[in-house]
Amino acid sequence: MKPNLQGMMKQVQKMQAEMEKVQNELANKTVTEEAGGGIVKAVVNGKKELISLSIDDEIITGGDKEMLEDLVVAAVNKALESAGKMAEEEMAGVTKGMMPPGLNIPGF
């Protein structure tokens, strides 16, 4: 039995269009993570772009530069990780049922 190549191509094109749509939507979805009990908050979108960073005035006036730097790094890293998970979940919804079982392609 010959595989239906035209049907497969339509499925692939449909999946590509859906993936592009989800990727565009991810630019508008954000996650917020914090460090130091909320002293530093980082907002990252689904494309792993840092959108905003807020720092409590108290830490700035305290003058603990090293602690502030550590908190910024921690908050941004947590937000990037959460954004990556969000993107993976969104993309998994697109590819679900489209990929044959057992076929592991990174990013799908």
PDB file of N, CA and C in Angstrom:
ATOM      1  N   MET A   1       0.836  -1.177   0.000  1.00  0.00           N
ATOM      2  CA  MET A   1       0.000   0.000   0.000  1.00  0.00           C
ATOM      3  C   MET A   1       0.882   1.243   0.000  1.00  0.00           C
ATOM      4  N   LYS A   2       0.637   2.142  -0.934  1.00  0.00           N
ATOM      5  CA  LYS A   2       1.423   3.370  -1.037  1.00  0.00           C
ATOM      6  C   LYS A   2       0.918   4.402  -0.041  1.00  0.00           C
ATOM      7  N   PRO A   3       1.832   5.062   0.621  1.00  0.00           N
ATOM      8  CA  PRO A   3       1.389   6.128   1.520  1.00  0.00           C
ATOM      9  C   PRO A   3       0.806   7.291   0.700  1.00  0.00           C
ATOM     10  N   ASN A   4      -0.171   7.924   1.261  1.00  0.00           N
ATOM     11  CA  ASN A   4      -0.811   9.059   0.608  1.00  0.00           C
ATOM     12  C   ASN A   4       0.070  10.283   0.823  1.00  0.00           C
ATOM     13  N   LEU A   5       0.988  10.504  -0.119  1.00  0.00           N
ATOM     14  CA  LEU A   5       1.971  11.577   0.014  1.00  0.00           C
ATOM     15  C   LEU A   5       1.310  12.952   0.022  1.00  0.00           C
ATOM     16  N   GLN A   6       0.302  13.127  -0.796  1.00  0.00           N
ATOM     17  CA  GLN A   6      -0.383  14.418  -0.853  1.00  0.00           C
ATOM     18  C   GLN A   6      -1.096  14.705   0.479  1.00  0.00           C
ATOM     19  N   GLY A   7      -1.713  13.691   1.035  1.00  0.00           N
ATOM     20  CA  GLY A   7      -2.382  13.843   2.325  1.00  0.00           C
ATOM     21  C   GLY A   7      -1.396  14.165   3.435  1.00  0.00           C
ATOM     22  N   MET A   8      -0.238  13.500   3.395  1.00  0.00           N
ATOM     23  CA  MET A   8       0.793  13.760   4.396  1.00  0.00           C
ATOM     24  C   MET A   8       1.309  15.190   4.284  1.00  0.00           C
ATOM     25  N   MET A   9       1.493  15.664   3.065  1.00  0.00           N
ATOM     26  CA  MET A   9       1.985  17.028   2.866  1.00  0.00           C
ATOM     27  C   MET A   9       0.982  18.051   3.393  1.00  0.00           C
ATOM     28  N   LYS A  10      -0.302  17.788   3.197  1.00  0.00           N
ATOM     29  CA  LYS A  10      -1.333  18.691   3.716  1.00  0.00           C
ATOM     30  C   LYS A  10      -1.300  18.715   5.241  1.00  0.00           C
ATOM     31  N   GLN A  11      -1.098  17.561   5.852  1.00  0.00           N
ATOM     32  CA  GLN A  11      -0.997  17.483   7.309  1.00  0.00           C
ATOM     33  C   GLN A  11       0.203  18.286   7.810  1.00  0.00           C
ATOM     34  N   VAL A  12       1.344  18.143   7.137  1.00  0.00           N
ATOM     35  CA  VAL A  12       2.552  18.850   7.522  1.00  0.00           C
ATOM     36  C   VAL A  12       2.344  20.358   7.370  1.00  0.00           C
ATOM     37  N   GLN A  13       1.737  20.782   6.279  1.00  0.00           N
ATOM     38  CA  GLN A  13       1.478  22.209   6.068  1.00  0.00           C
ATOM     39  C   GLN A  13       0.531  22.753   7.128  1.00  0.00           C
ATOM     40  N   LYS A  14      -0.472  21.965   7.470  1.00  0.00           N
ATOM     41  CA  LYS A  14      -1.422  22.382   8.507  1.00  0.00           C
ATOM     42  C   LYS A  14      -0.702  22.532   9.845  1.00  0.00           C
ATOM     43  N   MET A  15       0.154  21.550  10.169  1.00  0.00           N
ATOM     44  CA  MET A  15       0.893  21.593  11.425  1.00  0.00           C
ATOM     45  C   MET A  15       1.836  22.798  11.439  1.00  0.00           C
ATOM     46  N   GLN A  16       2.509  23.081  10.327  1.00  0.00           N
ATOM     47  CA  GLN A  16       3.404  24.230  10.262  1.00  0.00           C
ATOM     48  C   GLN A  16       2.644  25.533  10.488  1.00  0.00           C
ATOM     49  N   ALA A  17       1.466  25.652   9.884  1.00  0.00           N
ATOM     50  CA  ALA A  17       0.657  26.857  10.054  1.00  0.00           C
ATOM     51  C   ALA A  17       0.227  27.014  11.512  1.00  0.00           C
ATOM     52  N   GLU A  18      -0.175  25.913  12.143  1.00  0.00           N
ATOM     53  CA  GLU A  18      -0.572  25.952  13.551  1.00  0.00           C
ATOM     54  C   GLU A  18       0.603  26.325  14.442  1.00  0.00           C
ATOM     55  N   MET A  19       1.777  25.768  14.146  1.00  0.00           N
ATOM     56  CA  MET A  19       2.961  26.059  14.945  1.00  0.00           C
ATOM     57  C   MET A  19       3.326  27.533  14.823  1.00  0.00           C
ATOM     58  N   GLU A  20       3.236  28.081  13.629  1.00  0.00           N
ATOM     59  CA  GLU A  20       3.535  29.501  13.431  1.00  0.00           C
ATOM     60  C   GLU A  20       2.544  30.364  14.208  1.00  0.00           C
ATOM     61  N   LYS A  21       1.277  29.968  14.189  1.00  0.00           N
ATOM     62  CA  LYS A  21       0.248  30.704  14.929  1.00  0.00           C
ATOM     63  C   LYS A  21       0.559  30.688  16.424  1.00  0.00           C
ATOM     64  N   VAL A  22       0.892  29.522  16.953  1.00  0.00           N
ATOM     65  CA  VAL A  22       1.200  29.402  18.379  1.00  0.00           C
ATOM     66  C   VAL A  22       2.434  30.218  18.723  1.00  0.00           C
ATOM     67  N   GLN A  23       3.458  30.179  17.872  1.00  0.00           N
ATOM     68  CA  GLN A  23       4.667  30.952  18.138  1.00  0.00           C
ATOM     69  C   GLN A  23       4.361  32.451  18.191  1.00  0.00           C
ATOM     70  N   ASN A  24       3.497  32.917  17.309  1.00  0.00           N
ATOM     71  CA  ASN A  24       3.112  34.326  17.337  1.00  0.00           C
ATOM     72  C   ASN A  24       2.338  34.657  18.612  1.00  0.00           C
ATOM     73  N   GLU A  25       1.471  33.744  19.036  1.00  0.00           N
ATOM     74  CA  GLU A  25       0.697  33.958  20.261  1.00  0.00           C
ATOM     75  C   GLU A  25       1.595  33.965  21.494  1.00  0.00           C
ATOM     76  N   LEU A  26       2.666  33.177  21.455  1.00  0.00           N
ATOM     77  CA  LEU A  26       3.584  33.103  22.596  1.00  0.00           C
ATOM     78  C   LEU A  26       4.250  34.449  22.884  1.00  0.00           C
ATOM     79  N   ALA A  27       4.376  35.276  21.877  1.00  0.00           N
ATOM     80  CA  ALA A  27       4.967  36.601  22.092  1.00  0.00           C
ATOM     81  C   ALA A  27       4.093  37.447  23.014  1.00  0.00           C
ATOM     82  N   ASN A  28       2.792  37.129  23.061  1.00  0.00           N
ATOM     83  CA  ASN A  28       1.860  37.904  23.881  1.00  0.00           C
ATOM     84  C   ASN A  28       1.549  37.251  25.227  1.00  0.00           C
ATOM     85  N   LYS A  29       2.048  36.058  25.450  1.00  0.00           N
ATOM     86  CA  LYS A  29       1.821  35.366  26.722  1.00  0.00           C
ATOM     87  C   LYS A  29       3.051  35.550  27.599  1.00  0.00           C
ATOM     88  N   THR A  30       2.819  35.845  28.860  1.00  0.00           N
ATOM     89  CA  THR A  30       3.947  36.097  29.754  1.00  0.00           C
ATOM     90  C   THR A  30       3.862  35.242  31.010  1.00  0.00           C
ATOM     91  N   VAL A  31       5.016  35.085  31.630  1.00  0.00           N
ATOM     92  CA  VAL A  31       5.117  34.469  32.947  1.00  0.00           C
ATOM     93  C   VAL A  31       5.889  35.435  33.830  1.00  0.00           C
ATOM     94  N   THR A  32       5.567  35.431  35.104  1.00  0.00           N
ATOM     95  CA  THR A  32       6.256  36.282  36.069  1.00  0.00           C
ATOM     96  C   THR A  32       6.836  35.392  37.153  1.00  0.00           C
ATOM     97  N   GLU A  33       8.087  35.588  37.439  1.00  0.00           N
ATOM     98  CA  GLU A  33       8.753  34.858  38.523  1.00  0.00           C
ATOM     99  C   GLU A  33       9.457  35.876  39.401  1.00  0.00           C
ATOM    100  N   GLU A  34       9.684  35.475  40.637  1.00  0.00           N
ATOM    101  CA  GLU A  34      10.318  36.394  41.585  1.00  0.00           C
ATOM    102  C   GLU A  34      11.416  35.693  42.363  1.00  0.00           C
ATOM    103  N   ALA A  35      12.231  36.509  42.998  1.00  0.00           N
ATOM    104  CA  ALA A  35      13.298  36.007  43.868  1.00  0.00           C
ATOM    105  C   ALA A  35      13.351  36.913  45.094  1.00  0.00           C
ATOM    106  N   GLY A  36      13.868  36.359  46.170  1.00  0.00           N
ATOM    107  CA  GLY A  36      14.004  37.135  47.396  1.00  0.00           C
ATOM    108  C   GLY A  36      12.673  37.523  47.992  1.00  0.00           C
ATOM    109  N   GLY A  37      11.695  36.632  47.884  1.00  0.00           N
ATOM    110  CA  GLY A  37      10.379  36.924  48.453  1.00  0.00           C
ATOM    111  C   GLY A  37       9.677  38.084  47.766  1.00  0.00           C
ATOM    112  N   GLY A  38       9.947  38.259  46.479  1.00  0.00           N
ATOM    113  CA  GLY A  38       9.278  39.315  45.723  1.00  0.00           C
ATOM    114  C   GLY A  38      10.086  40.592  45.589  1.00  0.00           C
ATOM    115  N   ILE A  39      11.298  40.579  46.094  1.00  0.00           N
ATOM    116  CA  ILE A  39      12.139  41.779  45.985  1.00  0.00           C
ATOM    117  C   ILE A  39      12.457  42.071  44.519  1.00  0.00           C
ATOM    118  N   VAL A  40      12.684  41.011  43.744  1.00  0.00           N
ATOM    119  CA  VAL A  40      12.949  41.150  42.310  1.00  0.00           C
ATOM    120  C   VAL A  40      11.928  40.309  41.571  1.00  0.00           C
ATOM    121  N   LYS A  41      11.278  40.917  40.550  1.00  0.00           N
ATOM    122  CA  LYS A  41      10.307  40.214  39.718  1.00  0.00           C
ATOM    123  C   LYS A  41      10.708  40.364  38.265  1.00  0.00           C
ATOM    124  N   ALA A  42      10.683  39.233  37.543  1.00  0.00           N
ATOM    125  CA  ALA A  42      11.019  39.236  36.120  1.00  0.00           C
ATOM    126  C   ALA A  42       9.820  38.731  35.330  1.00  0.00           C
ATOM    127  N   VAL A  43       9.509  39.424  34.243  1.00  0.00           N
ATOM    128  CA  VAL A  43       8.422  39.018  33.353  1.00  0.00           C
ATOM    129  C   VAL A  43       9.045  38.658  32.007  1.00  0.00           C
ATOM    130  N   VAL A  44       8.759  37.445  31.542  1.00  0.00           N
ATOM    131  CA  VAL A  44       9.312  36.931  30.291  1.00  0.00           C
ATOM    132  C   VAL A  44       8.150  36.445  29.439  1.00  0.00           C
ATOM    133  N   ASN A  45       8.242  36.668  28.118  1.00  0.00           N
ATOM    134  CA  ASN A  45       7.183  36.167  27.243  1.00  0.00           C
ATOM    135  C   ASN A  45       7.503  34.755  26.771  1.00  0.00           C
ATOM    136  N   GLY A  46       6.584  34.170  26.025  1.00  0.00           N
ATOM    137  CA  GLY A  46       6.731  32.799  25.558  1.00  0.00           C
ATOM    138  C   GLY A  46       7.830  32.609  24.537  1.00  0.00           C
ATOM    139  N   LYS A  47       8.395  33.690  24.050  1.00  0.00           N
ATOM    140  CA  LYS A  47       9.532  33.611  23.136  1.00  0.00           C
ATOM    141  C   LYS A  47      10.851  33.772  23.896  1.00  0.00           C
ATOM    142  N   LYS A  48      10.763  33.697  25.214  1.00  0.00           N
ATOM    143  CA  LYS A  48      11.913  33.810  26.106  1.00  0.00           C
ATOM    144  C   LYS A  48      12.604  35.168  26.005  1.00  0.00           C
ATOM    145  N   GLU A  49      11.796  36.216  25.875  1.00  0.00           N
ATOM    146  CA  GLU A  49      12.318  37.576  25.869  1.00  0.00           C
ATOM    147  C   GLU A  49      11.948  38.230  27.193  1.00  0.00           C
ATOM    148  N   LEU A  50      12.920  38.864  27.841  1.00  0.00           N
ATOM    149  CA  LEU A  50      12.663  39.570  29.081  1.00  0.00           C
ATOM    150  C   LEU A  50      11.848  40.816  28.756  1.00  0.00           C
ATOM    151  N   ILE A  51      10.640  40.901  29.337  1.00  0.00           N
ATOM    152  CA  ILE A  51       9.722  42.005  29.059  1.00  0.00           C
ATOM    153  C   ILE A  51       9.894  43.113  30.090  1.00  0.00           C
ATOM    154  N   SER A  52       9.991  42.723  31.346  1.00  0.00           N
ATOM    155  CA  SER A  52      10.190  43.741  32.378  1.00  0.00           C
ATOM    156  C   SER A  52      10.877  43.134  33.592  1.00  0.00           C
ATOM    157  N   LEU A  53      11.454  44.010  34.372  1.00  0.00           N
ATOM    158  CA  LEU A  53      12.160  43.626  35.577  1.00  0.00           C
ATOM    159  C   LEU A  53      11.849  44.690  36.623  1.00  0.00           C
ATOM    160  N   SER A  54      11.356  44.258  37.770  1.00  0.00           N
ATOM    161  CA  SER A  54      11.090  45.235  38.827  1.00  0.00           C
ATOM    162  C   SER A  54      11.897  44.860  40.068  1.00  0.00           C
ATOM    163  N   ILE A  55      12.402  45.905  40.711  1.00  0.00           N
ATOM    164  CA  ILE A  55      13.253  45.744  41.884  1.00  0.00           C
ATOM    165  C   ILE A  55      12.680  46.612  42.997  1.00  0.00           C
ATOM    166  N   ASP A  56      12.455  46.009  44.145  1.00  0.00           N
ATOM    167  CA  ASP A  56      11.930  46.732  45.299  1.00  0.00           C
ATOM    168  C   ASP A  56      12.935  47.805  45.733  1.00  0.00           C
ATOM    169  N   ASP A  57      12.413  48.989  45.995  1.00  0.00           N
ATOM    170  CA  ASP A  57      13.261  50.115  46.404  1.00  0.00           C
ATOM    171  C   ASP A  57      14.100  49.807  47.646  1.00  0.00           C
ATOM    172  N   GLU A  58      13.568  48.964  48.521  1.00  0.00           N
ATOM    173  CA  GLU A  58      14.257  48.656  49.771  1.00  0.00           C
ATOM    174  C   GLU A  58      15.647  48.067  49.537  1.00  0.00           C
ATOM    175  N   ILE A  59      15.769  47.188  48.568  1.00  0.00           N
ATOM    176  CA  ILE A  59      17.077  46.556  48.317  1.00  0.00           C
ATOM    177  C   ILE A  59      18.041  47.551  47.686  1.00  0.00           C
ATOM    178  N   ILE A  60      17.495  48.475  46.922  1.00  0.00           N
ATOM    179  CA  ILE A  60      18.353  49.482  46.279  1.00  0.00           C
ATOM    180  C   ILE A  60      18.931  50.422  47.335  1.00  0.00           C
ATOM    181  N   THR A  61      18.095  50.891  48.243  1.00  0.00           N
ATOM    182  CA  THR A  61      18.572  51.805  49.284  1.00  0.00           C
ATOM    183  C   THR A  61      19.457  51.096  50.287  1.00  0.00           C
ATOM    184  N   GLY A  62      19.306  49.765  50.397  1.00  0.00           N
ATOM    185  CA  GLY A  62      20.146  48.991  51.316  1.00  0.00           C
ATOM    186  C   GLY A  62      21.580  48.896  50.831  1.00  0.00           C
ATOM    187  N   GLY A  63      21.776  49.054  49.530  1.00  0.00           N
ATOM    188  CA  GLY A  63      23.125  49.078  48.981  1.00  0.00           C
ATOM    189  C   GLY A  63      23.806  47.730  48.855  1.00  0.00           C
ATOM    190  N   ASP A  64      23.067  46.625  48.980  1.00  0.00           N
ATOM    191  CA  ASP A  64      23.678  45.300  48.861  1.00  0.00           C
ATOM    192  C   ASP A  64      23.690  44.893  47.383  1.00  0.00           C
ATOM    193  N   LYS A  65      24.670  45.397  46.657  1.00  0.00           N
ATOM    194  CA  LYS A  65      24.774  45.201  45.214  1.00  0.00           C
ATOM    195  C   LYS A  65      24.877  43.717  44.838  1.00  0.00           C
ATOM    196  N   GLU A  66      25.706  42.963  45.532  1.00  0.00           N
ATOM    197  CA  GLU A  66      25.898  41.551  45.199  1.00  0.00           C
ATOM    198  C   GLU A  66      24.604  40.770  45.377  1.00  0.00           C
ATOM    199  N   MET A  67      23.874  41.044  46.460  1.00  0.00           N
ATOM    200  CA  MET A  67      22.612  40.347  46.690  1.00  0.00           C
ATOM    201  C   MET A  67      21.622  40.710  45.581  1.00  0.00           C
ATOM    202  N   LEU A  68      21.568  41.963  45.215  1.00  0.00           N
ATOM    203  CA  LEU A  68      20.669  42.409  44.159  1.00  0.00           C
ATOM    204  C   LEU A  68      20.992  41.709  42.847  1.00  0.00           C
ATOM    205  N   GLU A  69      22.249  41.642  42.513  1.00  0.00           N
ATOM    206  CA  GLU A  69      22.656  40.961  41.278  1.00  0.00           C
ATOM    207  C   GLU A  69      22.238  39.496  41.296  1.00  0.00           C
ATOM    208  N   ASP A  70      22.454  38.832  42.427  1.00  0.00           N
ATOM    209  CA  ASP A  70      22.062  37.420  42.556  1.00  0.00           C
ATOM    210  C   ASP A  70      20.550  37.247  42.406  1.00  0.00           C
ATOM    211  N   LEU A  71      19.790  38.154  43.009  1.00  0.00           N
ATOM    212  CA  LEU A  71      18.334  38.065  42.928  1.00  0.00           C
ATOM    213  C   LEU A  71      17.831  38.311  41.507  1.00  0.00           C
ATOM    214  N   VAL A  72      18.458  39.233  40.799  1.00  0.00           N
ATOM    215  CA  VAL A  72      18.068  39.498  39.406  1.00  0.00           C
ATOM    216  C   VAL A  72      18.325  38.256  38.557  1.00  0.00           C
ATOM    217  N   VAL A  73      19.487  37.675  38.700  1.00  0.00           N
ATOM    218  CA  VAL A  73      19.827  36.466  37.940  1.00  0.00           C
ATOM    219  C   VAL A  73      18.837  35.350  38.265  1.00  0.00           C
ATOM    220  N   ALA A  74      18.549  35.149  39.540  1.00  0.00           N
ATOM    221  CA  ALA A  74      17.631  34.079  39.949  1.00  0.00           C
ATOM    222  C   ALA A  74      16.234  34.302  39.382  1.00  0.00           C
ATOM    223  N   ALA A  75      15.719  35.503  39.474  1.00  0.00           N
ATOM    224  CA  ALA A  75      14.366  35.788  38.984  1.00  0.00           C
ATOM    225  C   ALA A  75      14.282  35.614  37.474  1.00  0.00           C
ATOM    226  N   VAL A  76      15.270  36.107  36.758  1.00  0.00           N
ATOM    227  CA  VAL A  76      15.264  35.997  35.293  1.00  0.00           C
ATOM    228  C   VAL A  76      15.384  34.537  34.871  1.00  0.00           C
ATOM    229  N   ASN A  77      16.268  33.788  35.508  1.00  0.00           N
ATOM    230  CA  ASN A  77      16.422  32.375  35.156  1.00  0.00           C
ATOM    231  C   ASN A  77      15.140  31.589  35.418  1.00  0.00           C
ATOM    232  N   LYS A  78      14.480  31.859  36.543  1.00  0.00           N
ATOM    233  CA  LYS A  78      13.215  31.179  36.840  1.00  0.00           C
ATOM    234  C   LYS A  78      12.164  31.536  35.797  1.00  0.00           C
ATOM    235  N   ALA A  79      12.098  32.800  35.408  1.00  0.00           N
ATOM    236  CA  ALA A  79      11.116  33.227  34.422  1.00  0.00           C
ATOM    237  C   ALA A  79      11.399  32.615  33.054  1.00  0.00           C
ATOM    238  N   LEU A  80      12.668  32.538  32.668  1.00  0.00           N
ATOM    239  CA  LEU A  80      13.028  31.919  31.391  1.00  0.00           C
ATOM    240  C   LEU A  80      12.657  30.436  31.377  1.00  0.00           C
ATOM    241  N   GLU A  81      12.889  29.759  32.494  1.00  0.00           N
ATOM    242  CA  GLU A  81      12.536  28.341  32.587  1.00  0.00           C
ATOM    243  C   GLU A  81      11.018  28.161  32.477  1.00  0.00           C
ATOM    244  N   SER A  82      10.273  28.989  33.175  1.00  0.00           N
ATOM    245  CA  SER A  82       8.807  28.899  33.113  1.00  0.00           C
ATOM    246  C   SER A  82       8.293  29.210  31.715  1.00  0.00           C
ATOM    247  N   ALA A  83       8.897  30.186  31.050  1.00  0.00           N
ATOM    248  CA  ALA A  83       8.493  30.533  29.686  1.00  0.00           C
ATOM    249  C   ALA A  83       8.775  29.375  28.740  1.00  0.00           C
ATOM    250  N   GLY A  84       9.900  28.713  28.930  1.00  0.00           N
ATOM    251  CA  GLY A  84      10.228  27.553  28.098  1.00  0.00           C
ATOM    252  C   GLY A  84       9.225  26.431  28.273  1.00  0.00           C
ATOM    253  N   LYS A  85       8.821  26.176  29.511  1.00  0.00           N
ATOM    254  CA  LYS A  85       7.819  25.142  29.776  1.00  0.00           C
ATOM    255  C   LYS A  85       6.488  25.515  29.159  1.00  0.00           C
ATOM    256  N   MET A  86       6.109  26.793  29.269  1.00  0.00           N
ATOM    257  CA  MET A  86       4.854  27.250  28.685  1.00  0.00           C
ATOM    258  C   MET A  86       4.885  27.035  27.171  1.00  0.00           C
ATOM    259  N   ALA A  87       5.982  27.394  26.527  1.00  0.00           N
ATOM    260  CA  ALA A  87       6.109  27.241  25.080  1.00  0.00           C
ATOM    261  C   ALA A  87       6.036  25.771  24.685  1.00  0.00           C
ATOM    262  N   GLU A  88       6.703  24.912  25.437  1.00  0.00           N
ATOM    263  CA  GLU A  88       6.665  23.475  25.147  1.00  0.00           C
ATOM    264  C   GLU A  88       5.245  22.932  25.228  1.00  0.00           C
ATOM    265  N   GLU A  89       4.505  23.345  26.252  1.00  0.00           N
ATOM    266  CA  GLU A  89       3.130  22.883  26.418  1.00  0.00           C
ATOM    267  C   GLU A  89       2.251  23.369  25.276  1.00  0.00           C
ATOM    268  N   GLU A  90       2.429  24.612  24.864  1.00  0.00           N
ATOM    269  CA  GLU A  90       1.636  25.160  23.762  1.00  0.00           C
ATOM    270  C   GLU A  90       1.941  24.413  22.462  1.00  0.00           C
ATOM    271  N   MET A  91       3.215  24.159  22.200  1.00  0.00           N
ATOM    272  CA  MET A  91       3.602  23.473  20.971  1.00  0.00           C
ATOM    273  C   MET A  91       3.179  22.005  21.004  1.00  0.00           C
ATOM    274  N   ALA A  92       3.192  21.399  22.177  1.00  0.00           N
ATOM    275  CA  ALA A  92       2.764  20.002  22.291  1.00  0.00           C
ATOM    276  C   ALA A  92       1.306  19.865  21.896  1.00  0.00           C
ATOM    277  N   GLY A  93       0.501  20.887  22.203  1.00  0.00           N
ATOM    278  CA  GLY A  93      -0.898  20.858  21.815  1.00  0.00           C
ATOM    279  C   GLY A  93      -1.070  20.854  20.314  1.00  0.00           C
ATOM    280  N   VAL A  94      -0.164  21.476  19.595  1.00  0.00           N
ATOM    281  CA  VAL A  94      -0.235  21.532  18.132  1.00  0.00           C
ATOM    282  C   VAL A  94       0.182  20.200  17.526  1.00  0.00           C
ATOM    283  N   THR A  95       1.249  19.625  18.042  1.00  0.00           N
ATOM    284  CA  THR A  95       1.810  18.426  17.427  1.00  0.00           C
ATOM    285  C   THR A  95       1.141  17.139  17.905  1.00  0.00           C
ATOM    286  N   LYS A  96       0.331  17.228  18.956  1.00  0.00           N
ATOM    287  CA  LYS A  96      -0.331  16.032  19.484  1.00  0.00           C
ATOM    288  C   LYS A  96      -1.160  15.373  18.382  1.00  0.00           C
ATOM    289  N   GLY A  97      -0.933  14.107  18.183  1.00  0.00           N
ATOM    290  CA  GLY A  97      -1.670  13.355  17.182  1.00  0.00           C
ATOM    291  C   GLY A  97      -1.120  13.490  15.776  1.00  0.00           C
ATOM    292  N   MET A  98      -0.187  14.407  15.573  1.00  0.00           N
ATOM    293  CA  MET A  98       0.382  14.612  14.244  1.00  0.00           C
ATOM    294  C   MET A  98       1.650  13.785  14.047  1.00  0.00           C
ATOM    295  N   MET A  99       2.360  13.538  15.130  1.00  0.00           N
ATOM    296  CA  MET A  99       3.623  12.813  15.039  1.00  0.00           C
ATOM    297  C   MET A  99       3.382  11.344  15.387  1.00  0.00           C
ATOM    298  N   PRO A 100       4.002  10.438  14.639  1.00  0.00           N
ATOM    299  CA  PRO A 100       3.855   9.015  14.958  1.00  0.00           C
ATOM    300  C   PRO A 100       4.430   8.715  16.338  1.00  0.00           C
ATOM    301  N   PRO A 101       3.806   7.795  17.089  1.00  0.00           N
ATOM    302  CA  PRO A 101       4.320   7.444  18.409  1.00  0.00           C
ATOM    303  C   PRO A 101       5.769   6.986  18.342  1.00  0.00           C
ATOM    304  N   GLY A 102       6.541   7.406  19.300  1.00  0.00           N
ATOM    305  CA  GLY A 102       7.943   6.978  19.368  1.00  0.00           C
ATOM    306  C   GLY A 102       8.885   7.836  18.565  1.00  0.00           C
ATOM    307  N   LEU A 103       8.351   8.753  17.737  1.00  0.00           N
ATOM    308  CA  LEU A 103       9.212   9.620  16.938  1.00  0.00           C
ATOM    309  C   LEU A 103       9.503  10.861  17.755  1.00  0.00           C
ATOM    310  N   ASN A 104      10.719  10.952  18.245  1.00  0.00           N
ATOM    311  CA  ASN A 104      11.121  12.094  19.076  1.00  0.00           C
ATOM    312  C   ASN A 104      11.939  13.056  18.261  1.00  0.00           C
ATOM    313  N   ILE A 105      11.356  14.200  17.937  1.00  0.00           N
ATOM    314  CA  ILE A 105      12.059  15.249  17.250  1.00  0.00           C
ATOM    315  C   ILE A 105      12.114  16.439  18.183  1.00  0.00           C
ATOM    316  N   PRO A 106      13.300  16.918  18.508  1.00  0.00           N
ATOM    317  CA  PRO A 106      13.389  18.061  19.440  1.00  0.00           C
ATOM    318  C   PRO A 106      12.554  19.236  18.955  1.00  0.00           C
ATOM    319  N   GLY A 107      11.826  19.827  19.879  1.00  0.00           N
ATOM    320  CA  GLY A 107      10.983  20.968  19.545  1.00  0.00           C
ATOM    321  C   GLY A 107       9.576  20.583  19.124  1.00  0.00           C
ATOM    322  N   PHE A 108       9.307  19.282  19.020  1.00  0.00           N
ATOM    323  CA  PHE A 108       7.967  18.834  18.627  1.00  0.00           C
ATOM    324  C   PHE A 108       7.335  18.045  19.742  1.00  0.00           C
TER     325      PHE A 108
END
